[in-house]
Amino acid sequence: MPEPSRPRDLFTGLIRIHVLVHAAHEPIFGLAMMEELNRHGYRIGPGTLYPLLHGMERGGLLKSQVKRVDGRRRRIYMITASGRRALNNARVKVDELHDELHEEPPLRLPRIG
């Protein structure tokens, strides 16, 4: 399998999980999510984040509405029931991956041939 062309390609799933984690606690908006992701070392701009949010909404994980905040229109995203189920499933998978990442040595795969 070829390597991702950019590190972000490898981390896109983790970014989606971050979005769901925050949306599960409170409604979110793009700029605040970019700042939060940046705090975790993800350098993501609006040209990447907004299509990701729109895709998550099309996929039924998030829903949005436009609200006036401090006199400005802002699209606010909220997690859906489907998004909560996906987040719960992701928690299990991330826990499994975390355990495997920290196994010394990692579990050996069966030999070929």
Protein backbone atom coordinates (compact mmCIF):
# COMPACT_ATOMS: atom_id res chain seq x y z
CA MET A 1 0.00 0.00 0.00
CA PRO A 2 1.47 3.41 -0.90
CA GLU A 3 2.21 5.86 1.90
CA PRO A 4 -0.21 8.75 2.29
CA SER A 5 0.93 11.73 0.26
CA ARG A 6 0.62 13.96 3.30
CA PRO A 7 0.62 13.14 7.02
CA ARG A 8 -2.87 14.66 7.22
CA ASP A 9 -4.15 11.81 5.02
CA LEU A 10 -3.15 9.40 7.76
CA PHE A 11 -4.79 11.50 10.50
CA THR A 12 -8.12 12.33 8.84
CA GLY A 13 -9.95 9.65 10.83
CA LEU A 14 -8.48 10.94 14.08
CA ILE A 15 -9.56 14.47 13.18
CA ARG A 16 -13.11 13.22 12.59
CA ILE A 17 -13.07 11.51 15.98
CA HIS A 18 -11.87 14.76 17.62
CA VAL A 19 -14.79 16.58 15.97
CA LEU A 20 -17.28 14.01 17.27
CA VAL A 21 -15.80 14.12 20.78
CA HIS A 22 -16.26 17.87 20.99
CA ALA A 23 -19.66 17.88 19.28
CA ALA A 24 -20.84 15.24 21.79
CA HIS A 25 -20.22 17.75 24.60
CA GLU A 26 -21.49 20.96 23.00
CA PRO A 27 -22.32 22.50 19.64
CA ILE A 28 -19.16 23.41 17.70
CA PHE A 29 -18.20 25.78 14.89
CA GLY A 30 -15.37 25.66 12.39
CA LEU A 31 -12.96 28.30 13.69
CA ALA A 32 -13.09 26.99 17.27
CA MET A 33 -12.57 23.44 15.98
CA MET A 34 -9.54 24.56 13.92
CA GLU A 35 -8.05 26.16 17.04
CA GLU A 36 -8.71 23.04 19.12
CA LEU A 37 -7.17 20.76 16.50
CA ASN A 38 -4.18 23.09 16.25
CA ARG A 39 -3.73 22.75 20.02
CA HIS A 40 -3.33 19.01 19.41
CA GLY A 41 -0.78 19.56 16.65
CA TYR A 42 -3.09 19.17 13.65
CA ARG A 43 -2.41 22.00 11.21
CA ILE A 44 -5.73 22.16 9.41
CA GLY A 45 -7.14 25.09 7.50
CA PRO A 46 -10.66 26.01 6.46
CA GLY A 47 -10.19 24.47 3.01
CA THR A 48 -9.77 21.09 4.69
CA LEU A 49 -11.96 21.39 7.78
CA TYR A 50 -15.16 22.73 6.22
CA PRO A 51 -15.36 20.02 3.54
CA LEU A 52 -14.72 17.47 6.31
CA LEU A 53 -17.56 18.93 8.43
CA HIS A 54 -19.89 19.03 5.41
CA GLY A 55 -19.03 15.41 4.61
CA MET A 56 -19.73 14.37 8.20
CA GLU A 57 -23.06 16.15 7.94
CA ARG A 58 -23.89 14.44 4.63
CA GLY A 59 -22.94 11.14 6.29
CA GLY A 60 -25.42 11.76 9.11
CA LEU A 61 -22.82 12.14 11.89
CA LEU A 62 -23.46 15.86 12.39
CA LYS A 63 -26.33 18.25 11.75
CA SER A 64 -25.97 22.00 11.44
CA GLN A 65 -27.89 25.21 11.60
CA VAL A 66 -26.98 28.82 11.02
CA LYS A 67 -27.20 31.07 14.08
CA ARG A 68 -26.38 34.68 14.79
CA VAL A 69 -23.49 34.91 17.24
CA ASP A 70 -22.18 38.35 18.21
CA GLY A 71 -23.95 39.81 15.18
CA ARG A 72 -22.33 37.34 12.77
CA ARG A 73 -23.83 34.35 11.03
CA ARG A 74 -22.16 31.17 12.18
CA ARG A 75 -22.84 27.56 11.15
CA ILE A 76 -23.10 25.50 14.33
CA TYR A 77 -22.64 21.71 14.21
CA MET A 78 -24.25 19.25 16.60
CA ILE A 79 -23.74 15.49 16.88
CA THR A 80 -26.58 13.21 15.76
CA ALA A 81 -27.66 9.88 17.26
CA SER A 82 -25.75 8.19 14.44
CA GLY A 83 -22.71 10.31 15.30
CA ARG A 84 -22.94 9.20 18.94
CA ARG A 85 -23.04 5.54 17.89
CA ALA A 86 -20.06 6.09 15.59
CA LEU A 87 -18.16 7.80 18.42
CA ASN A 88 -18.88 4.92 20.80
CA ASN A 89 -17.63 2.44 18.18
CA ALA A 90 -14.56 4.60 17.58
CA ARG A 91 -13.77 4.60 21.32
CA VAL A 92 -13.56 0.81 21.28
CA LYS A 93 -11.36 0.78 18.17
CA VAL A 94 -9.08 3.57 19.46
CA ASP A 95 -8.64 1.73 22.77
CA GLU A 96 -7.69 -1.44 20.87
CA LEU A 97 -5.26 0.49 18.69
CA HIS A 98 -3.75 2.24 21.71
CA ASP A 99 -3.13 -1.10 23.39
CA GLU A 100 -1.53 -2.52 20.26
CA LEU A 101 0.62 0.56 19.71
CA HIS A 102 2.06 0.15 23.19
CA GLU A 103 2.55 -3.62 23.22
CA GLU A 104 6.20 -4.62 23.46
CA PRO A 105 6.68 -6.44 21.21
CA PRO A 106 3.49 -6.20 19.18
CA LEU A 107 1.47 -9.36 18.68
CA ARG A 108 3.06 -11.33 15.85
CA LEU A 109 1.07 -12.04 12.73
CA PRO A 110 0.92 -15.56 11.31
CA ARG A 111 3.82 -16.37 8.99
CA ILE A 112 3.19 -16.56 5.27
CA GLY A 113 4.02 -19.91 3.68
